[in-house]
């Protein structure tokens, strides 16, 4: 009986060790992801070919036509070192607000930029942040 215990016990301990090491690596990989939420709120009238530009999860800058009124949102995951960009430009009579949040891997960022006009006025607002 003692011989069986001495043969089985090391196998049990090694199995537990490898199982714990595997779980530890999974946690480290999950912690390196940063969740990014982008939001643009427009109330009022836009003109002069208004555009919205943001950096997508793949790192490419994406440009879209901005319409009003609108609440535009985008959510994606990125890795540390990502350069967050959210930018809007055009002419507005009303209000526009840009919001960006990023959470994960030690990052806890909240950015906001807003502007409003009572008469049609050109604008260019943006949020930039290295995560």
C-alpha atoms as a PDB file:
ATOM      1  CA  UNK A   1       0.000   0.000   0.000  1.00  0.00           C
ATOM      2  CA  UNK A   2       2.838   2.417   0.863  1.00  0.00           C
ATOM      3  CA  UNK A   3       4.481   1.735  -2.505  1.00  0.00           C
ATOM      4  CA  UNK A   4       1.279   2.670  -4.348  1.00  0.00           C
ATOM      5  CA  UNK A   5       0.903   5.905  -2.358  1.00  0.00           C
ATOM      6  CA  UNK A   6       4.531   6.912  -3.031  1.00  0.00           C
ATOM      7  CA  UNK A   7       4.059   6.238  -6.768  1.00  0.00           C
ATOM      8  CA  UNK A   8       0.704   8.013  -7.102  1.00  0.00           C
ATOM      9  CA  UNK A   9       1.376  11.002  -4.820  1.00  0.00           C
ATOM     10  CA  UNK A  10       4.018  12.652  -7.057  1.00  0.00           C
ATOM     11  CA  UNK A  11       1.739  12.290 -10.081  1.00  0.00           C
ATOM     12  CA  UNK A  12      -1.103  13.992  -8.189  1.00  0.00           C
ATOM     13  CA  UNK A  13       1.135  16.873  -7.075  1.00  0.00           C
ATOM     14  CA  UNK A  14       2.515  17.378 -10.589  1.00  0.00           C
ATOM     15  CA  UNK A  15      -1.004  17.373 -12.058  1.00  0.00           C
ATOM     16  CA  UNK A  16      -2.136  20.027  -9.584  1.00  0.00           C
ATOM     17  CA  UNK A  17       0.970  22.138 -10.273  1.00  0.00           C
ATOM     18  CA  UNK A  18       0.445  22.093 -14.054  1.00  0.00           C
ATOM     19  CA  UNK A  19      -3.270  22.846 -13.682  1.00  0.00           C
ATOM     20  CA  UNK A  20      -2.528  25.897 -11.516  1.00  0.00           C
ATOM     21  CA  UNK A  21       0.230  27.093 -13.853  1.00  0.00           C
ATOM     22  CA  UNK A  22      -2.155  26.840 -16.813  1.00  0.00           C
ATOM     23  CA  UNK A  23      -4.828  28.918 -15.034  1.00  0.00           C
ATOM     24  CA  UNK A  24      -2.225  31.517 -14.102  1.00  0.00           C
ATOM     25  CA  UNK A  25      -1.219  32.014 -17.749  1.00  0.00           C
ATOM     26  CA  UNK A  26      -4.861  32.417 -18.819  1.00  0.00           C
ATOM     27  CA  UNK A  27      -5.360  35.214 -16.286  1.00  0.00           C
ATOM     28  CA  UNK A  28      -2.257  37.056 -17.532  1.00  0.00           C
ATOM     29  CA  UNK A  29      -3.516  36.922 -21.139  1.00  0.00           C
ATOM     30  CA  UNK A  30      -6.976  38.216 -20.172  1.00  0.00           C
ATOM     31  CA  UNK A  31      -5.454  41.136 -18.250  1.00  0.00           C
ATOM     32  CA  UNK A  32      -3.648  42.432 -21.346  1.00  0.00           C
ATOM     33  CA  UNK A  33      -6.927  43.357 -23.056  1.00  0.00           C
ATOM     34  CA  UNK A  34      -8.304  46.900 -22.851  1.00  0.00           C
ATOM     35  CA  UNK A  35     -12.003  47.509 -23.583  1.00  0.00           C
ATOM     36  CA  UNK A  36     -12.625  50.749 -25.488  1.00  0.00           C
ATOM     37  CA  UNK A  37     -16.045  52.436 -25.697  1.00  0.00           C
ATOM     38  CA  UNK A  38     -16.499  55.399 -28.062  1.00  0.00           C
ATOM     39  CA  UNK A  39     -19.601  57.593 -28.178  1.00  0.00           C
ATOM     40  CA  UNK A  40     -20.609  60.666 -30.193  1.00  0.00           C
ATOM     41  CA  UNK A  41     -23.817  62.598 -29.492  1.00  0.00           C
ATOM     42  CA  UNK A  42     -25.005  65.247 -31.945  1.00  0.00           C
ATOM     43  CA  UNK A  43     -28.011  67.487 -31.351  1.00  0.00           C
ATOM     44  CA  UNK A  44     -28.638  70.271 -33.822  1.00  0.00           C
ATOM     45  CA  UNK A  45     -27.901  70.770 -37.500  1.00  0.00           C
ATOM     46  CA  UNK A  46     -24.681  69.666 -39.180  1.00  0.00           C
ATOM     47  CA  UNK A  47     -23.386  70.955 -42.520  1.00  0.00           C
ATOM     48  CA  UNK A  48     -20.178  71.405 -44.529  1.00  0.00           C
ATOM     49  CA  UNK A  49     -19.524  67.648 -45.027  1.00  0.00           C
ATOM     50  CA  UNK A  50     -19.196  66.710 -41.343  1.00  0.00           C
ATOM     51  CA  UNK A  51     -17.004  63.696 -40.641  1.00  0.00           C
ATOM     52  CA  UNK A  52     -16.205  61.395 -37.773  1.00  0.00           C
ATOM     53  CA  UNK A  53     -12.809  59.704 -37.593  1.00  0.00           C
ATOM     54  CA  UNK A  54     -11.675  57.018 -35.147  1.00  0.00           C
ATOM     55  CA  UNK A  55      -8.911  54.457 -34.831  1.00  0.00           C
ATOM     56  CA  UNK A  56     -10.386  50.952 -35.133  1.00  0.00           C
ATOM     57  CA  UNK A  57      -9.199  47.918 -33.166  1.00  0.00           C
ATOM     58  CA  UNK A  58      -6.941  46.885 -36.083  1.00  0.00           C
ATOM     59  CA  UNK A  59      -5.105  50.244 -35.821  1.00  0.00           C
ATOM     60  CA  UNK A  60      -6.491  51.772 -39.025  1.00  0.00           C
ATOM     61  CA  UNK A  61      -8.115  55.209 -39.063  1.00  0.00           C
ATOM     62  CA  UNK A  62     -11.744  54.968 -40.178  1.00  0.00           C
ATOM     63  CA  UNK A  63     -13.673  57.967 -41.488  1.00  0.00           C
ATOM     64  CA  UNK A  64     -17.480  58.146 -41.604  1.00  0.00           C
ATOM     65  CA  UNK A  65     -19.993  60.815 -42.578  1.00  0.00           C
ATOM     66  CA  UNK A  66     -21.551  62.337 -39.478  1.00  0.00           C
ATOM     67  CA  UNK A  67     -25.309  62.940 -39.467  1.00  0.00           C
ATOM     68  CA  UNK A  68     -27.629  64.657 -37.020  1.00  0.00           C
ATOM     69  CA  UNK A  69     -29.275  64.104 -34.701  1.00  0.00           C
ATOM     70  CA  UNK A  70     -27.340  60.982 -33.815  1.00  0.00           C
ATOM     71  CA  UNK A  71     -25.968  58.917 -30.982  1.00  0.00           C
ATOM     72  CA  UNK A  72     -23.113  56.878 -32.444  1.00  0.00           C
ATOM     73  CA  UNK A  73     -21.341  54.169 -30.422  1.00  0.00           C
ATOM     74  CA  UNK A  74     -18.533  51.701 -31.019  1.00  0.00           C
ATOM     75  CA  UNK A  75     -17.027  49.133 -28.624  1.00  0.00           C
ATOM     76  CA  UNK A  76     -13.950  46.963 -29.192  1.00  0.00           C
ATOM     77  CA  UNK A  77     -10.949  45.429 -27.418  1.00  0.00           C
ATOM     78  CA  UNK A  78      -7.332  46.487 -27.948  1.00  0.00           C
ATOM     79  CA  UNK A  79      -3.891  45.672 -26.598  1.00  0.00           C
ATOM     80  CA  UNK A  80      -1.706  47.963 -24.462  1.00  0.00           C
ATOM     81  CA  UNK A  81       0.073  50.603 -26.563  1.00  0.00           C
ATOM     82  CA  UNK A  82      -3.029  51.326 -28.682  1.00  0.00           C
ATOM     83  CA  UNK A  83      -3.387  54.998 -29.719  1.00  0.00           C
ATOM     84  CA  UNK A  84      -7.014  55.977 -29.197  1.00  0.00           C
ATOM     85  CA  UNK A  85      -8.277  58.609 -31.653  1.00  0.00           C
ATOM     86  CA  UNK A  86     -11.811  60.029 -31.879  1.00  0.00           C
ATOM     87  CA  UNK A  87     -12.286  63.162 -33.958  1.00  0.00           C
ATOM     88  CA  UNK A  88     -15.196  65.101 -35.492  1.00  0.00           C
ATOM     89  CA  UNK A  89     -15.219  68.120 -37.799  1.00  0.00           C
ATOM     90  CA  UNK A  90     -17.633  70.136 -39.891  1.00  0.00           C
ATOM     91  CA  UNK A  91     -20.121  72.943 -39.216  1.00  0.00           C
ATOM     92  CA  UNK A  92     -22.773  72.753 -36.506  1.00  0.00           C
ATOM     93  CA  UNK A  93     -25.620  74.800 -35.108  1.00  0.00           C
ATOM     94  CA  UNK A  94     -26.195  72.920 -31.876  1.00  0.00           C
ATOM     95  CA  UNK A  95     -24.088  70.621 -29.723  1.00  0.00           C
ATOM     96  CA  UNK A  96     -21.663  67.753 -30.233  1.00  0.00           C
ATOM     97  CA  UNK A  97     -20.041  65.604 -27.568  1.00  0.00           C
ATOM     98  CA  UNK A  98     -17.256  63.026 -27.905  1.00  0.00           C
ATOM     99  CA  UNK A  99     -16.803  60.457 -25.137  1.00  0.00           C
ATOM    100  CA  UNK A 100     -14.160  57.737 -24.850  1.00  0.00           C
ATOM    101  CA  UNK A 101     -13.526  55.234 -22.080  1.00  0.00           C
ATOM    102  CA  UNK A 102     -10.841  52.570 -21.837  1.00  0.00           C
ATOM    103  CA  UNK A 103     -10.619  50.007 -19.042  1.00  0.00           C
ATOM    104  CA  UNK A 104      -8.284  47.063 -18.482  1.00  0.00           C
ATOM    105  CA  UNK A 105      -4.631  46.098 -17.975  1.00  0.00           C
ATOM    106  CA  UNK A 106      -4.066  48.922 -15.491  1.00  0.00           C
ATOM    107  CA  UNK A 107      -5.778  51.492 -17.747  1.00  0.00           C
ATOM    108  CA  UNK A 108      -8.783  53.423 -16.438  1.00  0.00           C
ATOM    109  CA  UNK A 109      -9.339  56.341 -18.821  1.00  0.00           C
ATOM    110  CA  UNK A 110     -12.354  58.606 -19.340  1.00  0.00           C
ATOM    111  CA  UNK A 111     -12.146  61.341 -21.978  1.00  0.00           C
ATOM    112  CA  UNK A 112     -14.731  63.911 -23.032  1.00  0.00           C
ATOM    113  CA  UNK A 113     -14.718  66.819 -25.431  1.00  0.00           C
ATOM    114  CA  UNK A 114     -17.849  68.849 -26.215  1.00  0.00           C
ATOM    115  CA  UNK A 115     -18.728  72.046 -28.011  1.00  0.00           C
ATOM    116  CA  UNK A 116     -21.897  73.969 -28.854  1.00  0.00           C
ATOM    117  CA  UNK A 117     -22.914  76.958 -30.987  1.00  0.00           C
ATOM    118  CA  UNK A 118     -26.113  78.994 -31.366  1.00  0.00           C
ATOM    119  CA  UNK A 119     -25.277  79.933 -34.948  1.00  0.00           C
ATOM    120  CA  UNK A 120     -23.695  77.729 -37.643  1.00  0.00           C
ATOM    121  CA  UNK A 121     -19.987  77.511 -36.791  1.00  0.00           C
ATOM    122  CA  UNK A 122     -17.062  75.403 -37.941  1.00  0.00           C
ATOM    123  CA  UNK A 123     -15.715  72.944 -35.421  1.00  0.00           C
ATOM    124  CA  UNK A 124     -12.968  70.380 -35.023  1.00  0.00           C
ATOM    125  CA  UNK A 125     -12.806  68.473 -31.760  1.00  0.00           C
ATOM    126  CA  UNK A 126     -10.917  65.337 -30.833  1.00  0.00           C
ATOM    127  CA  UNK A 127      -9.773  62.947 -28.137  1.00  0.00           C
ATOM    128  CA  UNK A 128      -6.297  61.346 -28.343  1.00  0.00           C
ATOM    129  CA  UNK A 129      -4.820  58.992 -25.770  1.00  0.00           C
ATOM    130  CA  UNK A 130      -2.034  56.411 -25.755  1.00  0.00           C
ATOM    131  CA  UNK A 131      -3.292  53.407 -23.803  1.00  0.00           C
END
